[in-house]
Amino acid sequence: MKIAILDWDNKQQGEVELKASIFELPMRKDILQRVVEWQRAKRQAGTHKTKEIGDISGTTKKPFKQKGTGNARQGSLRSPQFRKGATIFGPVVRSHAYDLPKKIRALGLKTALSAKAAEGNLIIVKDAALSSPKTSDITKKLNGLSLKSALVIDGEVVNDNFAKAIRNVKFIDVLPTMGLNVYDVLRHEKLVLTEAAVKKIEERLS
């Protein structure tokens, strides 16, 4: 699959051959759903908690004797049926993360890349570097490429000026190749890869 290489002035600078095994796979919504849910589970804080009976402050004394009062027998005022009592089987602090096979994760990423390519929402640029960290400069270039919602993927390291210039632009994010993930690819309309990113992605997923 051949695709044009552009610069940030929307001028063609050549072509690149993309591997069919990474950028031309059929759509698998089931795989994308599995990977996205796995990512979201990892991000979930899991800091919710209710007080169990051991966390409730108060006396451990039996409220009244077992028999002879006419009331239902009670062992503690900290029991859940009482006001300010404990919660039974309530949420506790825990991790929501779970394991997902590496092959499924890799297939999910390939499928997401292929989906962007098939939709015509994949753009290859020469590089992602700026001489000065001016947001106004990058905004003009983004408008020239009709980028309103885009994820920009650079090589191993993101250019410092480019990162500073783009961080104030809404709906535009930039990541190094190692940060490439299915969730961020799918939540942006366009995917922009530098030549260095294409090389690293193919090395990573081949």
C-alpha atoms as a PDB file:
ATOM      1  CA  MET A   1       0.000   0.000   0.000  1.00  0.00           C
ATOM      2  CA  LYS A   2       1.563   3.293  -1.120  1.00  0.00           C
ATOM      3  CA  ILE A   3       0.719   6.598   0.514  1.00  0.00           C
ATOM      4  CA  ALA A   4       2.035  10.112  -0.092  1.00  0.00           C
ATOM      5  CA  ILE A   5       4.448  11.755   2.327  1.00  0.00           C
ATOM      6  CA  LEU A   6       3.465  15.365   3.051  1.00  0.00           C
ATOM      7  CA  ASP A   7       5.123  18.261   4.800  1.00  0.00           C
ATOM      8  CA  TRP A   8       3.267  20.586   7.169  1.00  0.00           C
ATOM      9  CA  ASP A   9       2.528  22.929   4.254  1.00  0.00           C
ATOM     10  CA  ASN A  10       0.513  20.120   2.613  1.00  0.00           C
ATOM     11  CA  LYS A  11       3.057  19.584  -0.161  1.00  0.00           C
ATOM     12  CA  GLN A  12       4.016  16.098  -1.289  1.00  0.00           C
ATOM     13  CA  GLN A  13       7.571  15.074  -0.450  1.00  0.00           C
ATOM     14  CA  GLY A  14       7.489  11.522  -1.807  1.00  0.00           C
ATOM     15  CA  GLU A  15       5.796   8.192  -1.157  1.00  0.00           C
ATOM     16  CA  VAL A  16       6.126   5.399   1.369  1.00  0.00           C
ATOM     17  CA  GLU A  17       5.190   1.732   1.038  1.00  0.00           C
ATOM     18  CA  LEU A  18       3.196   0.555   4.067  1.00  0.00           C
ATOM     19  CA  LYS A  19       3.184  -3.099   5.074  1.00  0.00           C
ATOM     20  CA  ALA A  20      -0.082  -4.820   4.209  1.00  0.00           C
ATOM     21  CA  SER A  21       0.212  -7.040   7.316  1.00  0.00           C
ATOM     22  CA  ILE A  22      -0.119  -3.912   9.500  1.00  0.00           C
ATOM     23  CA  PHE A  23      -2.087  -1.340   7.492  1.00  0.00           C
ATOM     24  CA  GLU A  24      -4.429  -3.474   5.370  1.00  0.00           C
ATOM     25  CA  LEU A  25      -6.135  -5.832   7.797  1.00  0.00           C
ATOM     26  CA  PRO A  26      -9.930  -6.326   7.765  1.00  0.00           C
ATOM     27  CA  MET A  27     -12.063  -4.514  10.329  1.00  0.00           C
ATOM     28  CA  ARG A  28     -12.492  -6.478  13.578  1.00  0.00           C
ATOM     29  CA  LYS A  29     -14.774  -4.530  15.888  1.00  0.00           C
ATOM     30  CA  ASP A  30     -14.698  -7.351  18.426  1.00  0.00           C
ATOM     31  CA  ILE A  31     -10.919  -7.100  18.754  1.00  0.00           C
ATOM     32  CA  LEU A  32     -11.025  -3.300  19.020  1.00  0.00           C
ATOM     33  CA  GLN A  33     -13.682  -3.546  21.722  1.00  0.00           C
ATOM     34  CA  ARG A  34     -11.609  -6.031  23.742  1.00  0.00           C
ATOM     35  CA  VAL A  35      -8.486  -3.870  23.609  1.00  0.00           C
ATOM     36  CA  VAL A  36     -10.317  -0.623  24.429  1.00  0.00           C
ATOM     37  CA  GLU A  37     -12.066  -2.203  27.428  1.00  0.00           C
ATOM     38  CA  TRP A  38      -8.709  -3.598  28.614  1.00  0.00           C
ATOM     39  CA  GLN A  39      -7.120  -0.137  28.377  1.00  0.00           C
ATOM     40  CA  ARG A  40     -10.023   1.546  30.172  1.00  0.00           C
ATOM     41  CA  ALA A  41      -9.937  -1.046  32.963  1.00  0.00           C
ATOM     42  CA  LYS A  42      -6.240  -0.322  33.502  1.00  0.00           C
ATOM     43  CA  ARG A  43      -6.956   3.412  33.726  1.00  0.00           C
ATOM     44  CA  GLN A  44      -9.777   3.029  36.259  1.00  0.00           C
ATOM     45  CA  ALA A  45      -8.629   4.343  39.625  1.00  0.00           C
ATOM     46  CA  GLY A  46     -10.355   1.768  41.826  1.00  0.00           C
ATOM     47  CA  THR A  47     -10.224   4.098  44.847  1.00  0.00           C
ATOM     48  CA  HIS A  48     -13.896   3.677  45.813  1.00  0.00           C
ATOM     49  CA  LYS A  49     -14.487   2.212  49.282  1.00  0.00           C
ATOM     50  CA  THR A  50     -17.229   1.825  51.870  1.00  0.00           C
ATOM     51  CA  LYS A  51     -16.769   1.073  55.567  1.00  0.00           C
ATOM     52  CA  GLU A  52     -16.938  -2.547  56.598  1.00  0.00           C
ATOM     53  CA  ILE A  53     -17.787  -3.559  60.165  1.00  0.00           C
ATOM     54  CA  GLY A  54     -14.126  -3.440  61.178  1.00  0.00           C
ATOM     55  CA  ASP A  55     -13.876   0.186  60.007  1.00  0.00           C
ATOM     56  CA  ILE A  56     -16.853   1.505  61.987  1.00  0.00           C
ATOM     57  CA  SER A  57     -16.033   3.350  65.219  1.00  0.00           C
ATOM     58  CA  GLY A  58     -18.172   2.508  68.213  1.00  0.00           C
ATOM     59  CA  THR A  59     -18.640   0.083  71.048  1.00  0.00           C
ATOM     60  CA  THR A  60     -18.444  -3.676  70.611  1.00  0.00           C
ATOM     61  CA  LYS A  61     -20.844  -4.172  73.484  1.00  0.00           C
ATOM     62  CA  LYS A  62     -24.057  -6.085  72.865  1.00  0.00           C
ATOM     63  CA  PRO A  63     -26.832  -3.444  72.769  1.00  0.00           C
ATOM     64  CA  PHE A  64     -29.200  -5.392  75.017  1.00  0.00           C
ATOM     65  CA  LYS A  65     -29.592  -8.894  76.345  1.00  0.00           C
ATOM     66  CA  GLN A  66     -30.443 -11.745  74.012  1.00  0.00           C
ATOM     67  CA  LYS A  67     -33.848 -12.669  75.419  1.00  0.00           C
ATOM     68  CA  GLY A  68     -36.730 -11.126  77.254  1.00  0.00           C
ATOM     69  CA  THR A  69     -36.874  -7.670  75.696  1.00  0.00           C
ATOM     70  CA  GLY A  70     -39.379  -8.365  72.927  1.00  0.00           C
ATOM     71  CA  ASN A  71     -36.959  -7.006  70.342  1.00  0.00           C
ATOM     72  CA  ALA A  72     -35.127  -8.902  67.643  1.00  0.00           C
ATOM     73  CA  ARG A  73     -31.769 -10.181  68.894  1.00  0.00           C
ATOM     74  CA  GLN A  74     -28.841  -7.912  68.064  1.00  0.00           C
ATOM     75  CA  GLY A  75     -25.113  -8.451  68.433  1.00  0.00           C
ATOM     76  CA  SER A  76     -23.712  -5.017  67.509  1.00  0.00           C
ATOM     77  CA  LEU A  77     -24.787  -1.455  66.824  1.00  0.00           C
ATOM     78  CA  ARG A  78     -22.258  -1.417  63.978  1.00  0.00           C
ATOM     79  CA  SER A  79     -24.307  -3.933  61.983  1.00  0.00           C
ATOM     80  CA  PRO A  80     -25.622  -2.811  58.577  1.00  0.00           C
ATOM     81  CA  GLN A  81     -29.258  -2.579  59.667  1.00  0.00           C
ATOM     82  CA  PHE A  82     -28.441   0.285  62.036  1.00  0.00           C
ATOM     83  CA  ARG A  83     -27.931   3.933  61.177  1.00  0.00           C
ATOM     84  CA  LYS A  84     -24.218   4.646  60.611  1.00  0.00           C
ATOM     85  CA  GLY A  85     -23.627   0.928  60.454  1.00  0.00           C
ATOM     86  CA  ALA A  86     -21.345  -1.019  58.137  1.00  0.00           C
ATOM     87  CA  THR A  87     -21.865  -1.802  54.454  1.00  0.00           C
ATOM     88  CA  ILE A  88     -21.892  -5.453  53.539  1.00  0.00           C
ATOM     89  CA  PHE A  89     -20.135  -6.523  50.314  1.00  0.00           C
ATOM     90  CA  GLY A  90     -19.445  -2.881  49.414  1.00  0.00           C
ATOM     91  CA  PRO A  91     -16.693  -1.769  47.031  1.00  0.00           C
ATOM     92  CA  VAL A  92     -13.094  -1.813  48.278  1.00  0.00           C
ATOM     93  CA  VAL A  93      -9.879  -0.271  46.982  1.00  0.00           C
ATOM     94  CA  ARG A  94      -8.612  -2.524  44.202  1.00  0.00           C
ATOM     95  CA  SER A  95      -7.121  -2.614  40.733  1.00  0.00           C
ATOM     96  CA  HIS A  96      -9.530  -3.185  37.840  1.00  0.00           C
ATOM     97  CA  ALA A  97      -6.700  -4.248  35.515  1.00  0.00           C
ATOM     98  CA  TYR A  98      -6.635  -7.695  33.956  1.00  0.00           C
ATOM     99  CA  ASP A  99      -4.403  -9.529  31.513  1.00  0.00           C
ATOM    100  CA  LEU A 100      -4.922  -9.541  27.757  1.00  0.00           C
ATOM    101  CA  PRO A 101      -2.765 -11.733  25.474  1.00  0.00           C
ATOM    102  CA  LYS A 102      -0.004  -9.884  23.623  1.00  0.00           C
ATOM    103  CA  LYS A 103      -1.243 -11.252  20.301  1.00  0.00           C
ATOM    104  CA  ILE A 104      -4.688  -9.706  20.883  1.00  0.00           C
ATOM    105  CA  ARG A 105      -3.131  -6.360  21.841  1.00  0.00           C
ATOM    106  CA  ALA A 106      -0.953  -6.378  18.728  1.00  0.00           C
ATOM    107  CA  LEU A 107      -3.887  -7.370  16.512  1.00  0.00           C
ATOM    108  CA  GLY A 108      -5.985  -4.584  18.012  1.00  0.00           C
ATOM    109  CA  LEU A 109      -3.329  -1.990  17.198  1.00  0.00           C
ATOM    110  CA  LYS A 110      -2.915  -3.300  13.647  1.00  0.00           C
ATOM    111  CA  THR A 111      -6.696  -3.261  13.171  1.00  0.00           C
ATOM    112  CA  ALA A 112      -6.938   0.335  14.414  1.00  0.00           C
ATOM    113  CA  LEU A 113      -4.147   1.435  12.041  1.00  0.00           C
ATOM    114  CA  SER A 114      -5.789  -0.423   9.157  1.00  0.00           C
ATOM    115  CA  ALA A 115      -9.157   1.170   9.921  1.00  0.00           C
ATOM    116  CA  LYS A 116      -7.668   4.678   9.726  1.00  0.00           C
ATOM    117  CA  ALA A 117      -5.939   3.820   6.452  1.00  0.00           C
ATOM    118  CA  ALA A 118      -9.129   2.339   4.952  1.00  0.00           C
ATOM    119  CA  GLU A 119     -11.159   5.418   5.948  1.00  0.00           C
ATOM    120  CA  GLY A 120      -8.612   7.759   4.361  1.00  0.00           C
ATOM    121  CA  ASN A 121      -7.838   9.241   7.771  1.00  0.00           C
ATOM    122  CA  LEU A 122      -4.157   8.262   7.837  1.00  0.00           C
ATOM    123  CA  ILE A 123      -1.622  10.995   7.011  1.00  0.00           C
ATOM    124  CA  ILE A 124       2.146  10.509   6.688  1.00  0.00           C
ATOM    125  CA  VAL A 125       4.351  13.553   7.264  1.00  0.00           C
ATOM    126  CA  LYS A 126       8.078  14.004   6.779  1.00  0.00           C
ATOM    127  CA  ASP A 127       8.708  14.879  10.416  1.00  0.00           C
ATOM    128  CA  ALA A 128       7.223  16.691  13.400  1.00  0.00           C
ATOM    129  CA  ALA A 129       9.728  19.421  14.210  1.00  0.00           C
ATOM    130  CA  LEU A 130       9.463  23.185  14.669  1.00  0.00           C
ATOM    131  CA  SER A 131      12.138  25.854  14.988  1.00  0.00           C
ATOM    132  CA  SER A 132      10.175  27.682  17.697  1.00  0.00           C
ATOM    133  CA  PRO A 133       7.397  26.621  20.113  1.00  0.00           C
ATOM    134  CA  LYS A 134       4.714  28.956  18.761  1.00  0.00           C
ATOM    135  CA  THR A 135       1.150  27.690  18.891  1.00  0.00           C
ATOM    136  CA  SER A 136       0.096  30.161  16.192  1.00  0.00           C
ATOM    137  CA  ASP A 137       2.571  28.598  13.730  1.00  0.00           C
ATOM    138  CA  ILE A 138       1.370  25.037  14.239  1.00  0.00           C
ATOM    139  CA  THR A 139      -2.289  26.133  14.151  1.00  0.00           C
ATOM    140  CA  LYS A 140      -1.840  27.476  10.612  1.00  0.00           C
ATOM    141  CA  LYS A 141      -0.201  24.225   9.518  1.00  0.00           C
ATOM    142  CA  LEU A 142      -2.960  22.141  11.098  1.00  0.00           C
ATOM    143  CA  ASN A 143      -5.603  24.198   9.313  1.00  0.00           C
ATOM    144  CA  GLY A 144      -3.746  23.701   6.027  1.00  0.00           C
ATOM    145  CA  LEU A 145      -3.992  19.929   6.505  1.00  0.00           C
ATOM    146  CA  SER A 146      -7.636  20.161   7.715  1.00  0.00           C
ATOM    147  CA  LEU A 147      -6.735  18.631  11.069  1.00  0.00           C
ATOM    148  CA  LYS A 148      -9.368  19.388  13.709  1.00  0.00           C
ATOM    149  CA  SER A 149      -9.087  16.186  15.713  1.00  0.00           C
ATOM    150  CA  ALA A 150      -5.816  14.307  15.284  1.00  0.00           C
ATOM    151  CA  LEU A 151      -3.289  12.119  17.032  1.00  0.00           C
ATOM    152  CA  VAL A 152       0.299  12.812  15.941  1.00  0.00           C
ATOM    153  CA  ILE A 153       2.797   9.982  16.414  1.00  0.00           C
ATOM    154  CA  ASP A 154       6.513  10.783  16.209  1.00  0.00           C
ATOM    155  CA  GLY A 155       9.587   8.546  16.504  1.00  0.00           C
ATOM    156  CA  GLU A 156      11.295   7.547  19.742  1.00  0.00           C
ATOM    157  CA  VAL A 157      11.244  11.120  21.084  1.00  0.00           C
ATOM    158  CA  VAL A 158       8.825  13.973  20.379  1.00  0.00           C
ATOM    159  CA  ASN A 159      10.433  17.233  19.272  1.00  0.00           C
ATOM    160  CA  ASP A 160      10.352  19.597  22.262  1.00  0.00           C
ATOM    161  CA  ASN A 161       9.272  22.694  20.303  1.00  0.00           C
ATOM    162  CA  PHE A 162       6.540  20.741  18.512  1.00  0.00           C
ATOM    163  CA  ALA A 163       5.198  19.326  21.796  1.00  0.00           C
ATOM    164  CA  LYS A 164       5.129  22.766  23.437  1.00  0.00           C
ATOM    165  CA  ALA A 165       3.448  24.405  20.438  1.00  0.00           C
ATOM    166  CA  ILE A 166       0.722  21.793  20.104  1.00  0.00           C
ATOM    167  CA  ARG A 167      -0.205  21.210  23.742  1.00  0.00           C
ATOM    168  CA  ASN A 168      -2.523  24.240  23.789  1.00  0.00           C
ATOM    169  CA  VAL A 169      -4.444  23.122  20.685  1.00  0.00           C
ATOM    170  CA  LYS A 170      -7.731  21.402  21.490  1.00  0.00           C
ATOM    171  CA  PHE A 171      -8.360  17.885  20.174  1.00  0.00           C
ATOM    172  CA  ILE A 172      -4.763  17.512  18.931  1.00  0.00           C
ATOM    173  CA  ASP A 173      -2.406  15.192  20.830  1.00  0.00           C
ATOM    174  CA  VAL A 174       1.153  14.092  20.176  1.00  0.00           C
ATOM    175  CA  LEU A 175       2.864  10.919  21.420  1.00  0.00           C
ATOM    176  CA  PRO A 176       6.115   9.047  20.806  1.00  0.00           C
ATOM    177  CA  THR A 177       5.863   5.682  19.053  1.00  0.00           C
ATOM    178  CA  MET A 178       5.908   3.759  22.329  1.00  0.00           C
ATOM    179  CA  GLY A 179       2.781   5.659  23.414  1.00  0.00           C
ATOM    180  CA  LEU A 180       0.748   4.538  20.389  1.00  0.00           C
ATOM    181  CA  ASN A 181      -2.415   2.798  21.588  1.00  0.00           C
ATOM    182  CA  VAL A 182      -5.805   1.721  20.258  1.00  0.00           C
ATOM    183  CA  TYR A 183      -7.928   3.950  22.514  1.00  0.00           C
ATOM    184  CA  ASP A 184      -6.210   7.196  21.477  1.00  0.00           C
ATOM    185  CA  VAL A 185      -6.162   6.204  17.790  1.00  0.00           C
ATOM    186  CA  LEU A 186      -9.915   5.583  17.755  1.00  0.00           C
ATOM    187  CA  ARG A 187     -10.948   8.688  19.699  1.00  0.00           C
ATOM    188  CA  HIS A 188      -9.275  11.019  17.181  1.00  0.00           C
ATOM    189  CA  GLU A 189     -10.604  11.564  13.673  1.00  0.00           C
ATOM    190  CA  LYS A 190      -7.187  11.610  11.969  1.00  0.00           C
ATOM    191  CA  LEU A 191      -3.948   9.732  12.606  1.00  0.00           C
ATOM    192  CA  VAL A 192      -0.727  11.495  11.620  1.00  0.00           C
ATOM    193  CA  LEU A 193       2.481   9.454  11.472  1.00  0.00           C
ATOM    194  CA  THR A 194       5.967  10.737  10.807  1.00  0.00           C
ATOM    195  CA  GLU A 195       8.361   8.729   8.628  1.00  0.00           C
ATOM    196  CA  ALA A 196      10.281   7.783  11.785  1.00  0.00           C
ATOM    197  CA  ALA A 197       7.050   6.613  13.412  1.00  0.00           C
ATOM    198  CA  VAL A 198       6.160   4.388  10.439  1.00  0.00           C
ATOM    199  CA  LYS A 199       9.568   2.722  10.644  1.00  0.00           C
ATOM    200  CA  LYS A 200       9.287   2.121  14.410  1.00  0.00           C
ATOM    201  CA  ILE A 201       5.704   0.855  14.149  1.00  0.00           C
ATOM    202  CA  GLU A 202       6.645  -1.663  11.468  1.00  0.00           C
ATOM    203  CA  GLU A 203       9.603  -2.833  13.557  1.00  0.00           C
ATOM    204  CA  ARG A 204       7.358  -3.173  16.611  1.00  0.00           C
ATOM    205  CA  LEU A 205       4.482  -5.027  14.936  1.00  0.00           C
ATOM    206  CA  SER A 206       6.280  -7.134  12.335  1.00  0.00           C
END
